[in-house]
Protein backbone atom coordinates (compact mmCIF):
# COMPACT_ATOMS: atom_id res chain seq x y z
CA UNK A 1 -17.37 103.78 -81.51
CA UNK A 2 -13.86 104.02 -79.34
CA UNK A 3 -16.37 102.82 -76.55
CA UNK A 4 -17.80 99.87 -78.78
CA UNK A 5 -14.25 99.00 -79.83
CA UNK A 6 -13.31 98.51 -75.98
CA UNK A 7 -15.86 96.45 -75.39
CA UNK A 8 -14.90 94.44 -78.26
CA UNK A 9 -10.82 94.22 -77.76
CA UNK A 10 -11.96 93.54 -74.14
CA UNK A 11 -14.11 90.77 -75.51
CA UNK A 12 -11.05 89.31 -77.85
CA UNK A 13 -8.32 89.53 -75.18
CA UNK A 14 -10.63 87.55 -72.84
CA UNK A 15 -11.12 85.12 -76.03
CA UNK A 16 -7.09 84.83 -76.50
CA UNK A 17 -7.47 83.32 -72.76
CA UNK A 18 -10.12 81.11 -73.80
CA UNK A 19 -8.29 79.86 -76.83
CA UNK A 20 -5.00 79.41 -75.00
CA UNK A 21 -6.97 77.22 -72.55
CA UNK A 22 -8.96 75.63 -75.04
CA UNK A 23 -5.77 74.42 -76.72
CA UNK A 24 -4.71 72.42 -73.26
CA UNK A 25 -8.38 71.10 -72.98
CA UNK A 26 -8.52 69.52 -76.57
CA UNK A 27 -4.86 68.07 -76.50
CA UNK A 28 -5.73 66.38 -73.00
CA UNK A 29 -8.82 64.97 -74.28
CA UNK A 30 -7.63 63.78 -77.31
CA UNK A 31 -4.40 62.04 -75.39
CA UNK A 32 -7.08 60.52 -72.94
CA UNK A 33 -6.20 62.79 -70.24
CA UNK A 34 -9.37 63.46 -68.06
CA UNK A 35 -10.44 67.12 -67.67
CA UNK A 36 -11.56 68.21 -64.45
CA UNK A 37 -12.24 72.06 -64.58
CA UNK A 38 -11.99 74.79 -67.42
CA UNK A 39 -11.62 78.03 -66.08
CA UNK A 40 -11.16 81.36 -67.03
CA UNK A 41 -9.93 83.93 -65.22
CA UNK A 42 -8.51 82.71 -61.45
CA UNK A 43 -10.64 81.68 -58.43
CA UNK A 44 -12.47 82.69 -55.97
CA UNK A 45 -15.50 80.93 -58.42
CA UNK A 46 -18.02 83.13 -59.61
CA UNK A 47 -20.01 80.85 -61.66
CA UNK A 48 -19.81 77.33 -61.87
CA UNK A 49 -21.77 74.53 -64.42
CA UNK A 50 -21.16 71.08 -64.50
CA UNK A 51 -20.85 69.80 -67.97
CA UNK A 52 -21.59 66.95 -69.99
CA UNK A 53 -18.42 64.77 -69.79
CA UNK A 54 -17.91 65.12 -66.30
CA UNK A 55 -16.01 68.52 -66.28
CA UNK A 56 -16.74 71.97 -64.62
CA UNK A 57 -17.22 75.54 -66.48
CA UNK A 58 -16.20 78.09 -64.19
CA UNK A 59 -15.69 82.11 -64.09
CA UNK A 60 -13.61 82.95 -61.96
CA UNK A 61 -12.90 86.66 -60.15
CA UNK A 62 -9.46 87.68 -60.88
CA UNK A 63 -8.83 88.34 -64.17
CA UNK A 64 -5.20 87.30 -64.62
CA UNK A 65 -5.50 84.67 -66.93
CA UNK A 66 -7.45 81.10 -66.64
CA UNK A 67 -6.34 77.77 -66.40
CA UNK A 68 -7.51 73.50 -66.60
CA UNK A 69 -7.09 71.54 -64.11
CA UNK A 70 -6.09 67.88 -64.93
CA UNK A 71 -7.09 65.04 -63.34
CA UNK A 72 -3.48 63.73 -61.40
CA UNK A 73 -1.41 67.28 -62.54
CA UNK A 74 1.86 66.16 -60.82
CA UNK A 75 4.41 64.56 -63.03
CA UNK A 76 4.50 61.41 -60.58
CA UNK A 77 0.80 60.55 -60.69
CA UNK A 78 0.73 57.03 -62.42
CA UNK A 79 -3.76 56.36 -61.97
CA UNK A 80 -5.89 56.11 -65.00
CA UNK A 81 -6.42 59.42 -67.16
CA UNK A 82 -4.51 61.31 -64.99
CA UNK A 83 -1.86 63.82 -66.70
CA UNK A 84 0.98 62.17 -64.76
CA UNK A 85 0.43 58.84 -66.48
CA UNK A 86 0.57 60.18 -69.85
CA UNK A 87 3.35 59.72 -72.48
CA UNK A 88 5.90 62.18 -72.14
CA UNK A 89 5.13 63.04 -76.23
CA UNK A 90 0.99 63.45 -74.83
CA UNK A 91 2.38 65.41 -71.87
CA UNK A 92 4.53 67.79 -74.73
CA UNK A 93 1.28 67.97 -76.80
CA UNK A 94 -0.63 69.19 -73.83
CA UNK A 95 1.46 71.55 -72.15
CA UNK A 96 2.90 73.12 -75.83
CA UNK A 97 -1.27 73.14 -77.09
CA UNK A 98 -1.70 76.86 -75.11
CA UNK A 99 1.20 78.31 -77.05
CA UNK A 100 0.16 77.03 -80.30
CA UNK A 101 -3.65 78.48 -80.14
CA UNK A 102 -2.53 82.03 -79.30
CA UNK A 103 0.50 81.75 -82.44
CA UNK A 104 -2.43 80.36 -84.63
CA UNK A 105 -4.67 83.42 -83.61
CA UNK A 106 -1.87 85.64 -84.10
CA UNK A 107 -0.70 84.60 -87.72
CA UNK A 108 -4.30 84.42 -88.75
CA UNK A 109 -5.05 87.85 -87.54
CA UNK A 110 -2.14 89.21 -88.92
CA UNK A 111 -2.67 87.73 -92.24
CA UNK A 112 -6.03 89.46 -92.29
CA UNK A 113 -4.69 92.92 -90.85
CA UNK A 114 -2.21 92.59 -94.25
CA UNK A 115 -4.62 92.15 -96.68
CA UNK A 116 -6.82 95.12 -95.12
CA UNK A 117 -4.14 97.33 -94.22
CA UNK A 118 -2.03 96.75 -91.43
CA UNK A 119 -1.09 99.92 -88.95
CA UNK A 120 2.54 100.45 -88.96
CA UNK A 121 4.30 100.19 -85.48
CA UNK A 122 7.81 99.53 -85.69
CA UNK A 123 10.25 101.00 -87.88
CA UNK A 124 11.32 99.48 -91.08
CA UNK A 125 8.24 97.12 -90.44
CA UNK A 126 8.38 94.06 -92.15
CA UNK A 127 6.38 94.41 -96.16
CA UNK A 128 7.21 92.51 -100.00
CA UNK A 129 8.06 95.54 -101.60
CA UNK A 130 6.78 94.30 -104.51
CA UNK A 131 3.04 93.55 -103.23
CA UNK A 132 2.63 96.54 -100.94
CA UNK A 133 0.71 99.51 -101.14
CA UNK A 134 1.51 102.46 -98.16
CA UNK A 135 -1.24 104.72 -97.39
CA UNK A 136 -0.12 107.21 -95.25
CA UNK A 137 -2.30 109.22 -93.22
CA UNK A 138 -1.59 111.90 -90.35
CA UNK A 139 0.61 112.10 -87.11
CA UNK A 140 -2.70 111.16 -84.51
CA UNK A 141 -2.23 111.31 -80.39
CA UNK A 142 -2.69 108.29 -79.02
CA UNK A 143 -2.29 109.88 -74.98
CA UNK A 144 -2.39 113.29 -73.73
CA UNK A 145 -0.60 113.51 -70.63
CA UNK A 146 -2.75 115.56 -67.59
CA UNK A 147 -1.76 119.23 -67.24
CA UNK A 148 0.47 119.16 -70.11
CA UNK A 149 1.56 121.53 -73.38
CA UNK A 150 -1.21 119.35 -75.46
CA UNK A 151 -3.68 119.23 -72.75
CA UNK A 152 -3.56 122.62 -72.67
CA UNK A 153 -3.84 123.41 -75.99
CA UNK A 154 -6.99 121.40 -76.18
CA UNK A 155 -6.13 118.44 -77.89
CA UNK A 156 -7.39 115.29 -77.21
CA UNK A 157 -7.10 111.73 -78.22
CA UNK A 158 -7.18 110.83 -82.18
CA UNK A 159 -6.48 114.13 -82.84
CA UNK A 160 -4.21 115.05 -85.95
CA UNK A 161 -1.65 117.64 -85.24
CA UNK A 162 -1.13 119.74 -88.24
CA UNK A 163 1.84 121.81 -87.36
CA UNK A 164 3.81 123.66 -84.70
CA UNK A 165 5.40 126.90 -85.13
CA UNK A 166 7.40 129.41 -82.65
CA UNK A 167 4.85 132.31 -81.92
CA UNK A 168 5.85 135.09 -84.70
CA UNK A 169 7.45 132.81 -87.16
CA UNK A 170 6.28 130.46 -89.98
CA UNK A 171 5.05 127.05 -88.38
CA UNK A 172 6.46 123.69 -89.85
CA UNK A 173 4.11 120.89 -90.89
CA UNK A 174 3.92 118.01 -88.71
CA UNK A 175 4.29 114.98 -91.03
CA UNK A 176 5.84 112.04 -89.25
CA UNK A 177 6.44 111.11 -85.63
CA UNK A 178 10.33 111.48 -85.72
CA UNK A 179 9.87 114.90 -87.10
CA UNK A 180 7.21 115.83 -84.04
CA UNK A 181 10.28 114.78 -82.00
CA UNK A 182 13.00 116.78 -83.49
CA UNK A 183 10.43 119.85 -83.70
CA UNK A 184 8.97 119.94 -80.11
CA UNK A 185 13.24 118.96 -78.96
CA UNK A 186 14.16 122.23 -81.20
CA UNK A 187 11.50 124.80 -79.62
CA UNK A 188 12.03 123.61 -75.99
CA UNK A 189 10.33 125.93 -73.31
CA UNK A 190 9.38 128.15 -75.94
CA UNK A 191 5.96 129.68 -76.76
CA UNK A 192 4.49 128.04 -79.83
CA UNK A 193 1.66 127.87 -81.74
CA UNK A 194 0.21 124.60 -82.32
CA UNK A 195 -2.53 123.24 -84.89
CA UNK A 196 -4.86 120.39 -84.58
CA UNK A 197 -7.60 118.62 -86.17
CA UNK A 198 -10.04 117.89 -83.78
CA UNK A 199 -13.09 115.89 -85.39
CA UNK A 200 -12.37 117.21 -89.02
CA UNK A 201 -12.41 121.15 -87.26
CA UNK A 202 -9.16 122.66 -87.59
CA UNK A 203 -7.98 124.14 -84.04
CA UNK A 204 -4.97 126.29 -83.01
CA UNK A 205 -3.84 127.21 -79.55
CA UNK A 206 -0.66 128.78 -78.11
CA UNK A 207 1.30 127.17 -75.46
CA UNK A 208 4.80 126.85 -73.62
CA UNK A 209 7.04 123.32 -74.15
CA UNK A 210 8.25 121.88 -71.53
CA UNK A 211 12.10 122.74 -71.38
CA UNK A 212 15.02 120.06 -71.94
CA UNK A 213 16.40 120.07 -68.04
CA UNK A 214 12.34 119.23 -67.11
CA UNK A 215 12.32 116.86 -69.94
CA UNK A 216 15.44 115.00 -69.19
CA UNK A 217 14.82 114.93 -64.97
CA UNK A 218 11.81 113.18 -65.67
CA UNK A 219 13.00 109.82 -68.26
CA UNK A 220 14.06 107.85 -64.94
CA UNK A 221 10.81 108.36 -63.03
CA UNK A 222 7.45 106.65 -63.07
CA UNK A 223 5.79 109.60 -65.26
CA UNK A 224 8.35 110.15 -68.11
CA UNK A 225 7.48 113.48 -69.79
CA UNK A 226 7.28 114.73 -73.27
CA UNK A 227 8.13 118.29 -74.55
CA UNK A 228 4.46 118.98 -75.92
CA UNK A 229 3.09 116.05 -73.82
CA UNK A 230 1.83 113.33 -76.09
CA UNK A 231 2.89 109.94 -74.79
CA UNK A 232 3.37 107.32 -78.05
CA UNK A 233 1.74 109.37 -80.80
CA UNK A 234 1.09 107.78 -84.02
CA UNK A 235 1.81 107.50 -87.34
CA UNK A 236 -1.12 106.30 -88.85
CA UNK A 237 0.25 104.17 -92.16
CA UNK A 238 -1.87 101.43 -93.19
CA UNK A 239 0.21 98.86 -95.01
CA UNK A 240 -1.97 96.52 -97.47
CA UNK A 241 -0.95 93.40 -99.17
CA UNK A 242 -2.06 90.50 -101.42
CA UNK A 243 -0.94 87.32 -101.84
CA UNK A 244 2.01 88.34 -99.34
CA UNK A 245 -0.49 88.35 -96.30
CA UNK A 246 0.93 85.40 -95.05
CA UNK A 247 4.65 86.00 -95.50
CA UNK A 248 4.07 89.31 -94.01
CA UNK A 249 2.25 87.91 -90.88
CA UNK A 250 5.15 85.52 -90.35
CA UNK A 251 7.69 88.39 -90.77
CA UNK A 252 6.14 90.94 -88.51
CA UNK A 253 5.71 88.30 -85.78
CA UNK A 254 9.55 87.88 -85.97
CA UNK A 255 10.43 91.21 -85.31
CA UNK A 256 7.37 91.50 -82.69
CA UNK A 257 9.61 88.41 -81.41
CA UNK A 258 12.82 90.30 -81.08
CA UNK A 259 11.55 92.96 -79.74
CA UNK A 260 9.94 90.76 -77.15
CA UNK A 261 12.80 89.44 -75.79
CA UNK A 262 15.02 92.75 -76.13
CA UNK A 263 12.09 94.54 -73.79
CA UNK A 264 11.98 91.61 -71.64
CA UNK A 265 15.79 91.65 -71.17
CA UNK A 266 15.19 95.93 -70.20
CA UNK A 267 12.50 94.84 -67.88
CA UNK A 268 14.81 91.69 -65.67
CA UNK A 269 17.29 94.75 -65.45
CA UNK A 270 14.82 97.23 -64.43
CA UNK A 271 13.89 94.69 -61.48
CA UNK A 272 17.02 93.70 -60.45
CA UNK A 273 17.64 97.35 -59.96
CA UNK A 274 14.32 97.39 -58.07
CA UNK A 275 15.67 94.64 -55.55
CA UNK A 276 18.61 96.50 -55.24
CA UNK A 277 17.11 99.50 -54.46
CA UNK A 278 15.01 98.41 -51.79
CA UNK A 279 17.77 96.02 -50.16
CA UNK A 280 20.19 98.67 -50.17
CA UNK A 281 17.78 101.75 -49.60
CA UNK A 282 19.03 103.16 -52.46
CA UNK A 283 15.87 105.10 -54.03
CA UNK A 284 17.29 106.53 -56.83
CA UNK A 285 18.12 103.02 -58.19
CA UNK A 286 14.85 101.95 -57.02
CA UNK A 287 12.80 104.54 -59.00
CA UNK A 288 14.90 104.14 -62.04
CA UNK A 289 14.69 100.15 -62.07
CA UNK A 290 10.58 100.59 -61.64
CA UNK A 291 10.89 103.25 -64.88
CA UNK A 292 13.14 100.89 -66.93
CA UNK A 293 11.01 98.02 -66.00
CA UNK A 294 7.45 99.82 -66.47
CA UNK A 295 8.48 100.50 -69.85
CA UNK A 296 8.84 96.94 -71.09
CA UNK A 297 6.16 95.32 -69.73
CA UNK A 298 2.40 96.14 -68.05
CA UNK A 299 -0.02 94.34 -65.89
CA UNK A 300 -3.95 94.24 -66.32
CA UNK A 301 -3.98 97.83 -65.71
CA UNK A 302 -1.83 98.53 -68.46
CA UNK A 303 -3.50 95.97 -70.75
CA UNK A 304 -6.64 98.33 -69.94
CA UNK A 305 -5.25 101.44 -71.35
CA UNK A 306 -3.41 100.17 -74.45
CA UNK A 307 -6.83 98.69 -75.59
CA UNK A 308 -8.59 101.88 -74.42
CA UNK A 309 -5.96 103.85 -76.75
CA UNK A 310 -5.81 100.89 -79.58
CA UNK A 311 -9.62 101.52 -79.88
CA UNK A 312 -9.65 105.04 -79.76
CA UNK A 313 -7.02 104.53 -83.06
CA UNK A 314 -9.89 102.56 -85.07
CA UNK A 315 -10.54 98.76 -85.69
CA UNK A 316 -7.01 98.03 -87.40
CA UNK A 317 -5.46 99.38 -84.60
CA UNK A 318 -6.67 97.51 -82.13
CA UNK A 319 -6.64 94.23 -83.86
CA UNK A 320 -3.26 94.84 -84.21
CA UNK A 321 -2.59 95.41 -80.46
CA UNK A 322 -4.59 91.72 -79.76
CA UNK A 323 -2.42 90.22 -82.55
CA UNK A 324 0.18 91.20 -80.88
CA UNK A 325 -0.93 90.57 -77.05
CA UNK A 326 -1.91 86.59 -78.65
CA UNK A 327 1.52 86.46 -79.91
CA UNK A 328 3.30 87.41 -76.70
CA UNK A 329 1.24 85.17 -74.29
CA UNK A 330 2.90 82.39 -76.82
CA UNK A 331 5.93 83.37 -76.22
CA UNK A 332 5.87 84.14 -72.40
CA UNK A 333 4.23 80.51 -72.17
CA UNK A 334 7.14 78.93 -73.73
CA UNK A 335 9.77 79.98 -71.49
CA UNK A 336 11.06 77.96 -68.66
CA UNK A 337 9.48 80.18 -66.33
CA UNK A 338 8.16 78.65 -63.40
CA UNK A 339 3.79 78.18 -62.36
CA UNK A 340 3.77 78.78 -66.49
CA UNK A 341 3.38 76.43 -69.14
CA UNK A 342 6.93 76.58 -70.50
CA UNK A 343 8.12 76.14 -66.87
CA UNK A 344 6.05 72.89 -66.33
CA UNK A 345 7.49 72.22 -70.19
CA UNK A 346 10.84 72.06 -69.42
CA UNK A 347 11.23 70.72 -66.36
CA UNK A 348 9.00 67.97 -67.79
CA UNK A 349 11.47 67.76 -70.53
CA UNK A 350 14.49 67.52 -68.39
CA UNK A 351 13.45 65.07 -65.34
CA UNK A 352 11.69 62.75 -68.04
CA UNK A 353 13.73 63.15 -70.93
CA UNK A 354 17.08 63.74 -69.52
CA UNK A 355 16.70 62.08 -65.60
CA UNK A 356 14.40 59.23 -66.52
CA UNK A 357 12.45 60.12 -63.52
CA UNK A 358 9.65 62.84 -62.37
CA UNK A 359 10.05 65.06 -59.62
CA UNK A 360 8.53 64.26 -56.22
CA UNK A 361 5.13 66.03 -55.69
CA UNK A 362 6.07 68.29 -52.72
CA UNK A 363 9.25 69.23 -55.02
CA UNK A 364 6.54 70.08 -58.39
CA UNK A 365 4.61 71.67 -55.84
CA UNK A 366 7.49 74.32 -54.58
CA UNK A 367 8.66 75.09 -57.77
CA UNK A 368 5.32 75.95 -59.14
CA UNK A 369 4.09 77.57 -56.12
CA UNK A 370 7.49 80.07 -56.08
CA UNK A 371 7.06 80.51 -59.60
CA UNK A 372 3.52 81.92 -59.17
CA UNK A 373 3.95 83.86 -56.41
CA UNK A 374 6.74 85.57 -58.02
CA UNK A 375 4.40 86.03 -60.92
CA UNK A 376 1.70 87.74 -58.86
CA UNK A 377 4.36 90.10 -56.65
CA UNK A 378 5.45 91.07 -60.39
CA UNK A 379 2.03 91.86 -61.10
CA UNK A 380 1.50 93.85 -58.22
CA UNK A 381 4.66 96.06 -58.71
CA UNK A 382 3.83 96.58 -62.65
CA UNK A 383 0.34 97.37 -61.69
CA UNK A 384 1.30 99.76 -59.09
CA UNK A 385 3.69 101.64 -61.40
CA UNK A 386 1.04 101.56 -64.38
CA UNK A 387 -1.62 103.27 -61.83
CA UNK A 388 1.02 105.88 -61.00
CA UNK A 389 1.56 106.63 -64.84
CA UNK A 390 -1.98 106.83 -66.26
CA UNK A 391 -3.70 108.18 -63.27
């Protein structure tokens, strides 16, 4: 079942990319701009087909996103049917259409989840109290660190943590992630009896938790460790709504947007430490920056493992992650980042709306190329850290 959900999750993720680009595609054709190519992923091209209307549909090799190639993409182009010849309002619609598609998809998915039961993901998660029914489940293992106490105890993903207690003393029942964290910290370095449920069968094992010094030293590395060795255990709580489901979707989206901006701030600070550490040769600063950046963002490797973990936690959790990814795509593509939709949109609004003249093709290409190279380097760095973290 988990494998099936993982496959579904991967296809849904690809669907987010297709939907984003389809937004650009529809907006361009509605505004009389000729589409030359609709591409899933980035070249080299694996499959190409000429479609009715004269545009090419391609499936490409690099799973880093997708694209819609328009006729005359430079803002200064003037040929009929080109992007450059379109009005400022038409260009704004075309560049913002992908963001709108991802935002609409996120809100629809979150509304659906609110109706059938949305997993609790953040503290003080937005709800309408008078229209919310909470069903609480147990604390589940989402990722078991290799060679950790949890791994030695035989705990696997989706197992339920029942209780933990020092050997020879009464055990404490685990009812929340916060409680689990406080409990393992209080028993740091001690031999404990861990009870857990695996596929409905209760099991127990005696293991020794990591000491506080080992855990503290690992915090600023690529592989931070937990006392028990469970990364991101899930307190599986479902929150169901009826009439307020759309309101919950909007409120939760606002929460995630705020958290995303906070995470981006920390990631940028971490990347700054990486650059500074590399330039100055300060390995401690570089390592700290990698840890800080990688804890806030993920590349293709990290996204795969997030989908894999969420699929093991069930359909609703996986669908919630897909909704959050869609919302994140909308946020990232509205920011003024060169080479992304937001960068092109803001450059066009400034040059056309304020200065009343387009950038030269050479300058526009230089800005977008530098942004694209920067994004590729960022993806490579994050993917390397993700590989270290998950393998």
